[in-house]
Amino acid sequence: MNKNRYSIGILFFLCGLNFASWATRIPDFKETLSLSDAALGTVLMGLPIGSMVSLPLAGWLISKFESAYICLLAVILYIIILPLFGHINSPIQLFISLFAFGMAGDILNIAMNTQVVSLESQMKKIIMSSFHAIFSVGLMLGAFTGGYLIKYNISLPIHFIGISLINLIGIPLFFKGLIPDGFKQREEKTSQKVHFFNIGKYLLILSLIAFCGMLCEGAMADWITLYVKESALGNPFPITIGFTSFAFAMVIGRLIGDYLTNKFNVRGILIYNGLAIAVGISLCLLFTQIFLIIIGCAVAGLGISTIVPIIYSKAGAAKNMSPSMALASVSTIAYVGFLLGPVLIGFLSEYFGLKIALTLLIFLGLSISILSKYFLSLSSNPESHE
């Protein structure tokens, strides 16, 4: 099973690296394409729209084919799409590239999380958070590397071709170690029981919590570098320092997430997650000193870190729906956060400023705590929440 964990871990690392490599270059695209905040927010919608289109497709594909092959397909799509970012010279080209990038990312997202659900079933314990920690390692390394490539004026084509080559090198390292899906019989038994959007109250509440968490995560990735660039005083670090701090805290939170999830009440963890997001974002927005912004980003990162792993594990274990379809359904609702987030932050920033726009994340953090405390009882059997 160590070989399986290693192989699946490579996929999570690549996914994080790819996303951060794009996210750290957002200020470059904003500047070179002369985009306002509202225009940037609109263009950024390409990524979540691609995600939305791909998620039902990914769930269906994995229900018909082994998730290992879908993982391979997604990485090949990344290899093709990433170099396109180095040759964009119009907003429509960026939108189309982000649409394709979103499709590749979320086909991989569903497939690799399905791999983890199968492995959890074999090991009979929750290990989802440790893989999302590896995603955050890729995110952090991508942010750190991207910051220094920007600092030393490394061109976009060289940056993205290099990341594409890393994905290519990863294929022989991960593919042979992926595992057969262990729930095909269960897929057949449940496929007629629940349709894609008829998910029941339990999965709906999980989806709403994930929606809030993923909107916060996406907003931090899309906007925190720009916020640091425009708002931090006396910043001696690369402008990606806030994103790097956020990603590092995500790694720490996810490394201990499996231990916390197996030891403590999951509902309580989610309540504290939401409060940490609200406190961390408040620190970022109330102070302009770079070190307080770094701390705020880290606290928010800790809060966000275990939300998606917890939700995905619980969704994959739900008894009223097959794992791949449950993951796809929950992810589809959650990724509406990515769909609404960029445009909401962009338009709010256009009229009220980026600092006011980002206060939305404080309310989302509090919403996570409220949903977890009053509407979700994760301590009981998922079968009862239909």
Protein backbone atom coordinates (compact mmCIF):
# COMPACT_ATOMS: atom_id res chain seq x y z
CA MET A 1 0.00 0.00 0.00
CA ASN A 2 3.00 2.32 0.39
CA LYS A 3 3.45 2.14 -3.39
CA ASN A 4 -0.20 3.09 -3.83
CA ARG A 5 0.09 6.05 -1.45
CA TYR A 6 3.25 7.22 -3.22
CA SER A 7 1.60 7.08 -6.65
CA ILE A 8 -1.59 8.83 -5.58
CA GLY A 9 0.51 11.40 -3.72
CA ILE A 10 2.32 12.33 -6.94
CA LEU A 11 -1.05 13.16 -8.52
CA PHE A 12 -2.01 15.46 -5.65
CA PHE A 13 1.40 17.14 -5.80
CA LEU A 14 1.10 17.78 -9.54
CA CYS A 15 -2.41 19.16 -9.13
CA GLY A 16 -1.25 21.66 -6.49
CA LEU A 17 1.88 22.63 -8.44
CA ASN A 18 -0.11 23.26 -11.61
CA PHE A 19 -2.72 25.40 -9.91
CA ALA A 20 -0.21 27.52 -7.99
CA SER A 21 1.90 28.04 -11.10
CA TRP A 22 -1.11 29.62 -12.78
CA ALA A 23 -2.28 31.56 -9.69
CA THR A 24 1.08 33.25 -9.04
CA ARG A 25 1.03 34.69 -12.56
CA ILE A 26 -2.38 36.34 -12.26
CA PRO A 27 -0.86 39.82 -11.63
CA ASP A 28 1.21 39.38 -14.82
CA PHE A 29 -1.87 38.63 -16.90
CA LYS A 30 -3.76 41.53 -15.28
CA GLU A 31 -0.95 43.91 -16.20
CA THR A 32 -0.09 42.65 -19.70
CA LEU A 33 -3.75 42.43 -20.77
CA SER A 34 -4.64 45.77 -19.05
CA LEU A 35 -7.55 44.24 -17.13
CA SER A 36 -9.57 46.04 -14.46
CA ASP A 37 -10.50 44.10 -11.33
CA ALA A 38 -13.99 43.49 -12.71
CA ALA A 39 -12.64 42.36 -16.08
CA LEU A 40 -10.15 40.07 -14.38
CA GLY A 41 -12.93 38.59 -12.26
CA THR A 42 -14.96 37.90 -15.39
CA VAL A 43 -12.04 36.26 -17.21
CA LEU A 44 -11.25 34.15 -14.15
CA MET A 45 -14.70 32.60 -14.48
CA GLY A 46 -13.30 30.48 -17.30
CA LEU A 47 -11.63 28.13 -14.81
CA PRO A 48 -14.66 27.32 -12.64
CA ILE A 49 -16.94 27.10 -15.66
CA GLY A 50 -14.57 24.47 -17.07
CA SER A 51 -14.73 22.77 -13.69
CA MET A 52 -18.51 22.79 -13.68
CA VAL A 53 -18.68 21.33 -17.18
CA SER A 54 -16.20 18.57 -16.37
CA LEU A 55 -17.45 17.42 -12.97
CA PRO A 56 -20.60 15.54 -14.05
CA LEU A 57 -18.58 14.14 -16.95
CA ALA A 58 -15.82 13.01 -14.59
CA GLY A 59 -18.30 11.26 -12.30
CA TRP A 60 -19.84 9.44 -15.24
CA LEU A 61 -16.44 8.47 -16.72
CA ILE A 62 -15.22 7.05 -13.42
CA SER A 63 -18.45 5.08 -13.01
CA LYS A 64 -17.75 3.47 -16.41
CA PHE A 65 -13.93 3.25 -16.46
CA GLU A 66 -11.18 2.80 -13.89
CA SER A 67 -10.22 6.06 -12.18
CA ALA A 68 -6.53 5.29 -12.85
CA TYR A 69 -7.07 5.83 -16.58
CA ILE A 70 -9.02 9.04 -15.94
CA CYS A 71 -6.08 10.30 -13.84
CA LEU A 72 -3.75 9.62 -16.77
CA LEU A 73 -6.11 11.42 -19.16
CA ALA A 74 -6.21 14.50 -16.91
CA VAL A 75 -2.42 14.74 -16.61
CA ILE A 76 -2.05 14.45 -20.39
CA LEU A 77 -4.54 17.32 -20.75
CA TYR A 78 -2.43 19.38 -18.35
CA ILE A 79 0.69 18.70 -20.42
CA ILE A 80 -1.09 20.03 -23.50
CA ILE A 81 -2.80 23.02 -21.86
CA LEU A 82 -0.09 24.48 -19.60
CA PRO A 83 2.21 25.77 -22.39
CA LEU A 84 -0.74 27.73 -23.83
CA PHE A 85 -0.54 30.15 -20.89
CA GLY A 86 2.83 31.34 -22.16
CA HIS A 87 1.36 32.59 -25.44
CA ILE A 88 -1.80 34.44 -24.40
CA ASN A 89 -2.31 37.95 -25.76
CA SER A 90 -6.04 38.61 -25.29
CA PRO A 91 -8.67 38.19 -22.55
CA ILE A 92 -10.66 35.71 -24.65
CA GLN A 93 -7.59 33.52 -25.11
CA LEU A 94 -7.04 33.58 -21.35
CA PHE A 95 -10.70 32.69 -20.73
CA ILE A 96 -10.55 29.71 -23.14
CA SER A 97 -7.24 28.50 -21.67
CA LEU A 98 -8.67 28.73 -18.16
CA PHE A 99 -11.77 26.83 -19.26
CA ALA A 100 -9.61 23.95 -20.52
CA PHE A 101 -7.36 24.20 -17.44
CA GLY A 102 -10.43 23.95 -15.18
CA MET A 103 -11.67 20.88 -17.03
CA ALA A 104 -8.32 19.10 -16.71
CA GLY A 105 -7.96 20.05 -13.05
CA ASP A 106 -11.31 18.79 -11.94
CA ILE A 107 -11.29 15.62 -13.96
CA LEU A 108 -8.06 14.92 -12.06
CA ASN A 109 -9.65 16.13 -8.82
CA ILE A 110 -12.51 13.63 -8.95
CA ALA A 111 -10.35 10.76 -10.24
CA MET A 112 -7.55 11.09 -7.69
CA ASN A 113 -9.98 11.54 -4.78
CA THR A 114 -11.79 8.41 -5.97
CA GLN A 115 -8.44 6.63 -5.75
CA VAL A 116 -8.15 7.77 -2.12
CA VAL A 117 -11.68 6.56 -1.30
CA SER A 118 -10.75 3.13 -2.66
CA LEU A 119 -7.55 3.09 -0.61
CA GLU A 120 -9.42 4.21 2.54
CA SER A 121 -11.82 1.32 1.99
CA GLN A 122 -8.91 -1.11 1.86
CA MET A 123 -7.12 0.39 4.88
CA LYS A 124 -10.35 0.91 6.85
CA LYS A 125 -9.34 4.35 8.12
CA ILE A 126 -9.47 7.99 7.00
CA ILE A 127 -6.31 9.14 5.19
CA MET A 128 -7.78 11.78 2.87
CA SER A 129 -6.23 14.76 4.64
CA SER A 130 -2.67 13.48 4.17
CA PHE A 131 -3.14 13.53 0.40
CA HIS A 132 -4.55 17.02 0.46
CA ALA A 133 -1.45 17.96 2.46
CA ILE A 134 0.62 16.79 -0.50
CA PHE A 135 -1.58 18.95 -2.75
CA SER A 136 -0.75 21.88 -0.49
CA VAL A 137 2.98 21.05 -0.70
CA GLY A 138 2.66 21.34 -4.47
CA LEU A 139 0.67 24.54 -4.01
CA MET A 140 3.30 26.01 -1.68
CA LEU A 141 6.23 24.99 -3.89
CA GLY A 142 4.46 26.36 -6.96
CA ALA A 143 3.79 29.67 -5.19
CA PHE A 144 7.35 29.95 -3.87
CA THR A 145 8.90 29.08 -7.22
CA GLY A 146 6.53 31.34 -9.12
CA GLY A 147 7.40 34.26 -6.85
CA TYR A 148 11.11 33.97 -7.56
CA LEU A 149 10.58 33.42 -11.27
CA ILE A 150 8.64 36.68 -11.30
CA LYS A 151 11.33 38.40 -9.26
CA TYR A 152 14.02 37.39 -11.75
CA ASN A 153 11.84 38.14 -14.79
CA ILE A 154 11.61 34.56 -16.07
CA SER A 155 9.18 34.62 -19.00
CA LEU A 156 5.74 33.02 -18.96
CA PRO A 157 6.54 30.54 -21.78
CA ILE A 158 9.61 29.17 -19.97
CA HIS A 159 7.70 28.94 -16.68
CA PHE A 160 4.74 26.99 -18.05
CA ILE A 161 6.75 24.74 -20.38
CA GLY A 162 8.85 23.77 -17.36
CA ILE A 163 5.74 22.87 -15.33
CA SER A 164 4.37 20.88 -18.28
CA LEU A 165 7.61 18.86 -18.45
CA ILE A 166 7.34 18.07 -14.73
CA ASN A 167 3.87 16.61 -15.40
CA LEU A 168 5.28 14.54 -18.26
CA ILE A 169 8.06 13.15 -16.06
CA GLY A 170 5.46 12.28 -13.41
CA ILE A 171 3.47 9.87 -15.60
CA PRO A 172 5.78 6.82 -15.35
CA LEU A 173 6.26 7.56 -11.64
CA PHE A 174 2.58 7.42 -10.69
CA PHE A 175 0.63 5.36 -13.21
CA LYS A 176 1.75 1.81 -12.35
CA GLY A 177 1.02 2.33 -8.67
CA LEU A 178 -2.60 3.41 -9.02
CA ILE A 179 -5.16 0.94 -7.71
CA PRO A 180 -8.28 -0.63 -9.23
CA ASP A 181 -11.49 0.94 -8.01
CA GLY A 182 -12.82 -1.22 -5.21
CA PHE A 183 -16.49 -0.35 -5.43
CA LYS A 184 -17.70 -1.24 -8.93
CA GLN A 185 -20.29 -3.67 -7.54
CA ARG A 186 -21.50 -0.96 -5.22
CA GLU A 187 -21.69 1.40 -8.21
CA GLU A 188 -24.05 -1.02 -9.95
CA LYS A 189 -26.26 -1.43 -6.87
CA THR A 190 -26.59 2.31 -6.22
CA SER A 191 -26.56 3.75 -9.73
CA GLN A 192 -30.34 3.68 -10.01
CA LYS A 193 -31.01 4.71 -6.43
CA VAL A 194 -29.93 8.36 -6.51
CA HIS A 195 -29.43 10.67 -9.45
CA PHE A 196 -26.63 13.21 -9.79
CA PHE A 197 -28.46 16.16 -8.24
CA ASN A 198 -30.84 14.18 -6.01
CA ILE A 199 -28.31 13.79 -3.23
CA GLY A 200 -30.33 14.06 0.00
CA LYS A 201 -30.00 16.41 2.99
CA TYR A 202 -26.77 14.93 4.36
CA LEU A 203 -24.78 15.38 1.15
CA LEU A 204 -26.42 18.75 0.54
CA ILE A 205 -25.15 20.15 3.86
CA LEU A 206 -21.70 18.71 3.13
CA SER A 207 -21.85 20.40 -0.26
CA LEU A 208 -22.76 23.79 1.21
CA ILE A 209 -19.90 23.62 3.72
CA ALA A 210 -17.52 22.65 0.92
CA PHE A 211 -18.96 25.48 -1.20
CA CYS A 212 -17.99 28.05 1.44
CA GLY A 213 -14.58 26.49 2.05
CA MET A 214 -13.69 26.21 -1.62
CA LEU A 215 -14.81 29.75 -2.38
CA CYS A 216 -12.46 30.93 0.37
CA GLU A 217 -9.63 28.74 -0.92
CA GLY A 218 -10.13 29.88 -4.50
CA ALA A 219 -10.40 33.54 -3.52
CA MET A 220 -7.15 33.32 -1.56
CA ALA A 221 -5.42 31.72 -4.53
CA ASP A 222 -6.83 34.22 -7.05
CA TRP A 223 -6.67 37.47 -5.09
CA ILE A 224 -4.29 37.35 -2.12
CA THR A 225 -1.15 37.95 -4.21
CA LEU A 226 -2.75 41.03 -5.75
CA TYR A 227 -3.92 42.17 -2.29
CA VAL A 228 -0.39 41.88 -0.88
CA LYS A 229 1.01 43.78 -3.87
CA GLU A 230 -1.46 46.64 -3.43
CA SER A 231 -1.90 46.81 0.36
CA ALA A 232 1.14 45.53 2.28
CA LEU A 233 3.51 48.18 3.59
CA GLY A 234 7.28 47.67 3.64
CA ASN A 235 7.18 44.21 2.10
CA PRO A 236 10.73 42.83 1.74
CA PHE A 237 9.46 39.52 0.35
CA PRO A 238 8.20 38.44 -3.08
CA ILE A 239 4.57 39.47 -3.59
CA THR A 240 3.57 35.79 -3.38
CA ILE A 241 4.53 35.67 0.33
CA GLY A 242 0.88 35.77 1.48
CA PHE A 243 -0.09 32.92 -0.82
CA THR A 244 3.03 30.98 0.20
CA SER A 245 2.20 31.44 3.90
CA PHE A 246 -1.38 30.36 3.23
CA ALA A 247 -0.24 27.26 1.34
CA PHE A 248 2.33 26.36 4.03
CA ALA A 249 -0.36 26.53 6.72
CA MET A 250 -2.58 24.35 4.54
CA VAL A 251 0.21 21.75 4.49
CA ILE A 252 0.55 21.79 8.28
CA GLY A 253 -3.20 21.60 8.82
CA ARG A 254 -3.60 18.71 6.43
CA LEU A 255 -0.62 16.80 7.81
CA ILE A 256 -2.34 16.64 11.19
CA GLY A 257 -5.84 16.49 9.71
CA ASP A 258 -6.17 12.70 9.58
CA TYR A 259 -5.09 12.42 13.23
CA LEU A 260 -7.63 15.06 14.27
CA THR A 261 -10.41 13.54 12.16
CA ASN A 262 -9.89 10.06 13.58
CA LYS A 263 -9.59 11.32 17.17
CA PHE A 264 -12.09 14.18 17.54
CA ASN A 265 -15.67 14.99 16.59
CA VAL A 266 -15.67 16.06 12.95
CA ARG A 267 -18.45 18.59 13.42
CA GLY A 268 -16.38 20.35 16.09
CA ILE A 269 -13.36 20.49 13.78
CA LEU A 270 -15.45 22.13 11.07
CA ILE A 271 -16.81 24.72 13.53
CA TYR A 272 -13.27 25.74 14.49
CA ASN A 273 -12.24 25.73 10.84
CA GLY A 274 -14.85 28.37 10.04
CA LEU A 275 -13.83 30.53 12.99
CA ALA A 276 -10.16 30.33 12.00
CA ILE A 277 -11.01 31.52 8.48
CA ALA A 278 -12.92 34.51 9.87
CA VAL A 279 -10.11 35.45 12.29
CA GLY A 280 -7.33 34.98 9.71
CA ILE A 281 -9.01 37.06 7.01
CA SER A 282 -9.82 39.75 9.58
CA LEU A 283 -6.11 40.00 10.45
CA CYS A 284 -5.21 40.37 6.77
CA LEU A 285 -7.74 43.13 6.19
CA LEU A 286 -7.43 45.12 9.42
CA PHE A 287 -3.65 45.55 9.28
CA THR A 288 -1.22 46.60 6.56
CA GLN A 289 1.96 45.35 8.26
CA ILE A 290 3.30 42.49 6.15
CA PHE A 291 4.04 40.20 9.09
CA LEU A 292 0.46 40.46 10.38
CA ILE A 293 -0.84 39.77 6.87
CA ILE A 294 1.43 36.70 6.71
CA ILE A 295 0.06 35.49 10.06
CA GLY A 296 -3.51 36.15 8.90
CA CYS A 297 -2.96 34.17 5.71
CA ALA A 298 -1.54 31.30 7.76
CA VAL A 299 -4.48 31.25 10.21
CA ALA A 300 -6.93 31.28 7.30
CA GLY A 301 -4.96 28.48 5.67
CA LEU A 302 -5.21 26.36 8.82
CA GLY A 303 -8.95 26.96 8.87
CA ILE A 304 -9.47 26.01 5.24
CA SER A 305 -7.01 23.10 5.27
CA THR A 306 -9.17 20.22 6.49
CA ILE A 307 -12.60 21.26 5.18
CA VAL A 308 -12.38 19.64 1.74
CA PRO A 309 -10.63 16.44 2.93
CA ILE A 310 -13.28 15.93 5.62
CA ILE A 311 -16.14 16.60 3.22
CA TYR A 312 -14.73 14.33 0.51
CA SER A 313 -14.16 11.44 2.93
CA LYS A 314 -17.66 11.76 4.35
CA ALA A 315 -19.21 12.09 0.89
CA GLY A 316 -17.31 9.07 -0.43
CA ALA A 317 -18.54 7.01 2.54
CA ALA A 318 -22.21 7.97 2.15
CA LYS A 319 -24.39 4.89 1.67
CA ASN A 320 -27.11 6.35 -0.51
CA MET A 321 -24.86 7.07 -3.50
CA SER A 322 -21.82 5.53 -5.21
CA PRO A 323 -18.47 7.09 -4.24
CA SER A 324 -17.62 8.58 -7.65
CA MET A 325 -21.09 10.08 -8.13
CA ALA A 326 -21.20 11.37 -4.53
CA LEU A 327 -17.81 13.03 -4.97
CA ALA A 328 -18.83 14.49 -8.32
CA SER A 329 -22.16 15.77 -6.95
CA VAL A 330 -20.63 17.38 -3.85
CA SER A 331 -17.76 18.82 -5.87
CA THR A 332 -20.12 20.28 -8.45
CA ILE A 333 -22.01 22.25 -5.79
CA ALA A 334 -18.76 23.18 -4.06
CA TYR A 335 -17.20 24.42 -7.26
CA VAL A 336 -20.03 26.86 -7.74
CA GLY A 337 -17.99 28.72 -5.11
CA PHE A 338 -15.15 28.95 -7.57
CA LEU A 339 -17.65 30.04 -10.21
CA LEU A 340 -19.13 32.84 -8.10
CA GLY A 341 -15.99 33.75 -6.16
CA PRO A 342 -13.82 35.35 -8.86
CA VAL A 343 -16.61 37.44 -10.36
CA LEU A 344 -18.03 38.49 -6.96
CA ILE A 345 -14.63 39.53 -5.62
CA GLY A 346 -13.81 41.25 -8.91
CA PHE A 347 -16.99 43.28 -9.14
CA LEU A 348 -17.04 44.13 -5.42
CA SER A 349 -13.43 45.22 -5.72
CA GLU A 350 -14.24 47.39 -8.72
CA TYR A 351 -16.83 49.37 -6.77
CA PHE A 352 -15.69 49.12 -3.15
CA GLY A 353 -12.00 48.14 -3.28
CA LEU A 354 -10.31 44.77 -2.87
CA LYS A 355 -10.14 45.02 0.92
CA ILE A 356 -13.92 45.41 1.25
CA ALA A 357 -14.50 42.67 -1.32
CA LEU A 358 -12.43 40.19 0.66
CA THR A 359 -14.60 40.70 3.77
CA LEU A 360 -16.95 38.26 2.03
CA LEU A 361 -14.57 35.51 3.16
CA ILE A 362 -15.15 36.43 6.82
CA PHE A 363 -18.88 35.82 6.41
CA LEU A 364 -18.23 32.56 4.57
CA GLY A 365 -16.03 31.35 7.43
CA LEU A 366 -18.78 32.13 9.93
CA SER A 367 -21.29 30.37 7.66
CA ILE A 368 -19.17 27.20 7.80
CA SER A 369 -19.30 27.28 11.59
CA ILE A 370 -23.07 27.87 11.64
CA LEU A 371 -23.82 25.12 9.10
CA SER A 372 -21.60 22.69 11.00
CA LYS A 373 -23.00 23.51 14.43
CA TYR A 374 -26.72 23.69 13.71
CA PHE A 375 -27.37 21.71 10.53
CA LEU A 376 -24.87 18.87 10.42
CA SER A 377 -24.53 15.83 12.65
CA LEU A 378 -21.51 13.99 11.31
CA SER A 379 -21.23 11.82 14.39
CA SER A 380 -24.15 9.71 13.21
CA ASN A 381 -24.33 7.19 10.37
CA PRO A 382 -24.50 8.83 6.91
CA GLU A 383 -27.22 6.38 5.99
CA SER A 384 -29.62 8.26 8.19
CA HIS A 385 -29.05 11.55 6.35
CA GLU A 386 -30.86 11.07 3.08
